[in-house]
């Protein structure tokens, strides 16, 4: 079952800040579409990774090694909500994800 992908209203600003090229944006969109086919944890046969601590209930996946996409799965609604897209290096992506969840 493919999940419907929705975006937090601030994700557009995240993407502008990251200044992805059109090619990178297309690759990112394709990766999100692929993950949406099975957004659950790799431990459960899915394609995502479970976050812990104060981010419990959220998932993530890597994009081009430097970026993280944090999302939440709403199983009953069949929705995968993208919370934030950001650089992993400064860990700000996780602080912002905690504020947006």
C-alpha atoms as a PDB file:
ATOM      1  CA  UNK A   1       0.000   0.000   0.000  1.00  0.00           C
ATOM      2  CA  UNK A   2       1.372   3.379  -0.997  1.00  0.00           C
ATOM      3  CA  UNK A   3       0.877   6.165   1.523  1.00  0.00           C
ATOM      4  CA  UNK A   4      -0.293   9.621   0.508  1.00  0.00           C
ATOM      5  CA  UNK A   5       2.553  12.098   1.027  1.00  0.00           C
ATOM      6  CA  UNK A   6       1.725  15.447   2.615  1.00  0.00           C
ATOM      7  CA  UNK A   7       4.123  18.187   3.687  1.00  0.00           C
ATOM      8  CA  UNK A   8       4.357  20.442   6.704  1.00  0.00           C
ATOM      9  CA  UNK A   9       3.809  24.008   5.509  1.00  0.00           C
ATOM     10  CA  UNK A  10       7.423  24.916   6.421  1.00  0.00           C
ATOM     11  CA  UNK A  11       9.072  22.276   4.219  1.00  0.00           C
ATOM     12  CA  UNK A  12       9.011  24.609   1.208  1.00  0.00           C
ATOM     13  CA  UNK A  13      11.156  27.083   3.170  1.00  0.00           C
ATOM     14  CA  UNK A  14      13.485  24.246   4.180  1.00  0.00           C
ATOM     15  CA  UNK A  15      14.024  23.388   0.535  1.00  0.00           C
ATOM     16  CA  UNK A  16      14.681  26.999  -0.480  1.00  0.00           C
ATOM     17  CA  UNK A  17      17.282  27.286   2.287  1.00  0.00           C
ATOM     18  CA  UNK A  18      19.045  24.127   1.072  1.00  0.00           C
ATOM     19  CA  UNK A  19      19.209  25.458  -2.524  1.00  0.00           C
ATOM     20  CA  UNK A  20      18.783  22.092  -4.249  1.00  0.00           C
ATOM     21  CA  UNK A  21      19.199  21.979  -8.005  1.00  0.00           C
ATOM     22  CA  UNK A  22      16.293  20.780 -10.148  1.00  0.00           C
ATOM     23  CA  UNK A  23      18.040  17.425 -10.531  1.00  0.00           C
ATOM     24  CA  UNK A  24      18.475  17.067  -6.761  1.00  0.00           C
ATOM     25  CA  UNK A  25      14.831  17.996  -6.181  1.00  0.00           C
ATOM     26  CA  UNK A  26      13.741  15.336  -8.664  1.00  0.00           C
ATOM     27  CA  UNK A  27      15.928  12.741  -6.938  1.00  0.00           C
ATOM     28  CA  UNK A  28      14.502  13.757  -3.564  1.00  0.00           C
ATOM     29  CA  UNK A  29      10.928  13.528  -4.834  1.00  0.00           C
ATOM     30  CA  UNK A  30      11.634  10.071  -6.256  1.00  0.00           C
ATOM     31  CA  UNK A  31      13.146   8.934  -2.959  1.00  0.00           C
ATOM     32  CA  UNK A  32      10.120  10.229  -1.019  1.00  0.00           C
ATOM     33  CA  UNK A  33       7.770   8.425  -3.425  1.00  0.00           C
ATOM     34  CA  UNK A  34       9.775   5.223  -3.010  1.00  0.00           C
ATOM     35  CA  UNK A  35       9.761   5.474   0.800  1.00  0.00           C
ATOM     36  CA  UNK A  36       5.998   6.139   0.756  1.00  0.00           C
ATOM     37  CA  UNK A  37       5.479   2.598  -0.562  1.00  0.00           C
ATOM     38  CA  UNK A  38       6.706   1.222   2.778  1.00  0.00           C
ATOM     39  CA  UNK A  39       7.535   4.036   5.246  1.00  0.00           C
ATOM     40  CA  UNK A  40       7.911   1.794   8.278  1.00  0.00           C
ATOM     41  CA  UNK A  41      11.122   0.936  10.094  1.00  0.00           C
ATOM     42  CA  UNK A  42      13.758  -1.223   8.430  1.00  0.00           C
ATOM     43  CA  UNK A  43      13.430  -3.458  11.487  1.00  0.00           C
ATOM     44  CA  UNK A  44       9.856  -4.184  10.350  1.00  0.00           C
ATOM     45  CA  UNK A  45      10.716  -4.648   6.677  1.00  0.00           C
ATOM     46  CA  UNK A  46      10.210  -0.989   5.787  1.00  0.00           C
ATOM     47  CA  UNK A  47      12.483   1.642   4.285  1.00  0.00           C
ATOM     48  CA  UNK A  48      12.720   4.181   7.131  1.00  0.00           C
ATOM     49  CA  UNK A  49      14.525   4.458  10.445  1.00  0.00           C
ATOM     50  CA  UNK A  50      12.840   4.990  13.797  1.00  0.00           C
ATOM     51  CA  UNK A  51      13.872   8.005  15.850  1.00  0.00           C
ATOM     52  CA  UNK A  52      14.274   7.757  19.614  1.00  0.00           C
ATOM     53  CA  UNK A  53      14.059   9.906  22.708  1.00  0.00           C
ATOM     54  CA  UNK A  54      12.018  13.080  22.378  1.00  0.00           C
ATOM     55  CA  UNK A  55      11.542  12.268  18.663  1.00  0.00           C
ATOM     56  CA  UNK A  56       9.840   8.946  19.377  1.00  0.00           C
ATOM     57  CA  UNK A  57       6.988   8.417  16.932  1.00  0.00           C
ATOM     58  CA  UNK A  58       8.889  10.047  14.065  1.00  0.00           C
ATOM     59  CA  UNK A  59      10.828   8.353  11.289  1.00  0.00           C
ATOM     60  CA  UNK A  60      13.701   9.442   9.068  1.00  0.00           C
ATOM     61  CA  UNK A  61      15.590   8.520   5.961  1.00  0.00           C
ATOM     62  CA  UNK A  62      18.844   9.697   4.485  1.00  0.00           C
ATOM     63  CA  UNK A  63      19.164  11.601   1.248  1.00  0.00           C
ATOM     64  CA  UNK A  64      22.584  11.971  -0.411  1.00  0.00           C
ATOM     65  CA  UNK A  65      24.223  11.106   2.959  1.00  0.00           C
ATOM     66  CA  UNK A  66      24.245  14.767   4.089  1.00  0.00           C
ATOM     67  CA  UNK A  67      20.503  15.315   4.384  1.00  0.00           C
ATOM     68  CA  UNK A  68      17.751  13.896   6.550  1.00  0.00           C
ATOM     69  CA  UNK A  69      14.051  13.758   5.858  1.00  0.00           C
ATOM     70  CA  UNK A  70      12.003  13.415   9.049  1.00  0.00           C
ATOM     71  CA  UNK A  71       8.427  12.237   8.721  1.00  0.00           C
ATOM     72  CA  UNK A  72       5.498  10.775  10.590  1.00  0.00           C
ATOM     73  CA  UNK A  73       3.314   7.873   9.505  1.00  0.00           C
ATOM     74  CA  UNK A  74      -0.420   8.017  10.105  1.00  0.00           C
ATOM     75  CA  UNK A  75      -1.239   4.366   9.495  1.00  0.00           C
ATOM     76  CA  UNK A  76      -5.021   4.611   9.839  1.00  0.00           C
ATOM     77  CA  UNK A  77      -5.216   7.529   7.408  1.00  0.00           C
ATOM     78  CA  UNK A  78      -2.674   6.090   4.969  1.00  0.00           C
ATOM     79  CA  UNK A  79      -0.652   9.311   5.209  1.00  0.00           C
ATOM     80  CA  UNK A  80       3.083   9.974   5.402  1.00  0.00           C
ATOM     81  CA  UNK A  81       3.689  13.565   6.555  1.00  0.00           C
ATOM     82  CA  UNK A  82       7.071  15.122   5.802  1.00  0.00           C
ATOM     83  CA  UNK A  83       7.961  17.173   8.890  1.00  0.00           C
ATOM     84  CA  UNK A  84      11.332  18.628   7.861  1.00  0.00           C
ATOM     85  CA  UNK A  85      14.136  18.260   5.331  1.00  0.00           C
ATOM     86  CA  UNK A  86      17.563  19.459   6.430  1.00  0.00           C
ATOM     87  CA  UNK A  87      21.268  18.935   6.845  1.00  0.00           C
ATOM     88  CA  UNK A  88      22.269  16.243   9.256  1.00  0.00           C
ATOM     89  CA  UNK A  89      25.677  17.774  10.044  1.00  0.00           C
ATOM     90  CA  UNK A  90      24.473  20.435  12.456  1.00  0.00           C
ATOM     91  CA  UNK A  91      21.706  18.278  13.981  1.00  0.00           C
ATOM     92  CA  UNK A  92      19.426  21.323  13.711  1.00  0.00           C
ATOM     93  CA  UNK A  93      17.125  19.173  11.605  1.00  0.00           C
ATOM     94  CA  UNK A  94      16.314  17.093  14.696  1.00  0.00           C
ATOM     95  CA  UNK A  95      15.773  20.101  16.960  1.00  0.00           C
ATOM     96  CA  UNK A  96      13.385  21.624  14.437  1.00  0.00           C
ATOM     97  CA  UNK A  97      11.627  18.289  13.952  1.00  0.00           C
ATOM     98  CA  UNK A  98      10.983  18.151  17.688  1.00  0.00           C
ATOM     99  CA  UNK A  99       9.369  21.600  17.547  1.00  0.00           C
ATOM    100  CA  UNK A 100       7.236  20.714  14.522  1.00  0.00           C
ATOM    101  CA  UNK A 101       5.880  17.360  15.602  1.00  0.00           C
END
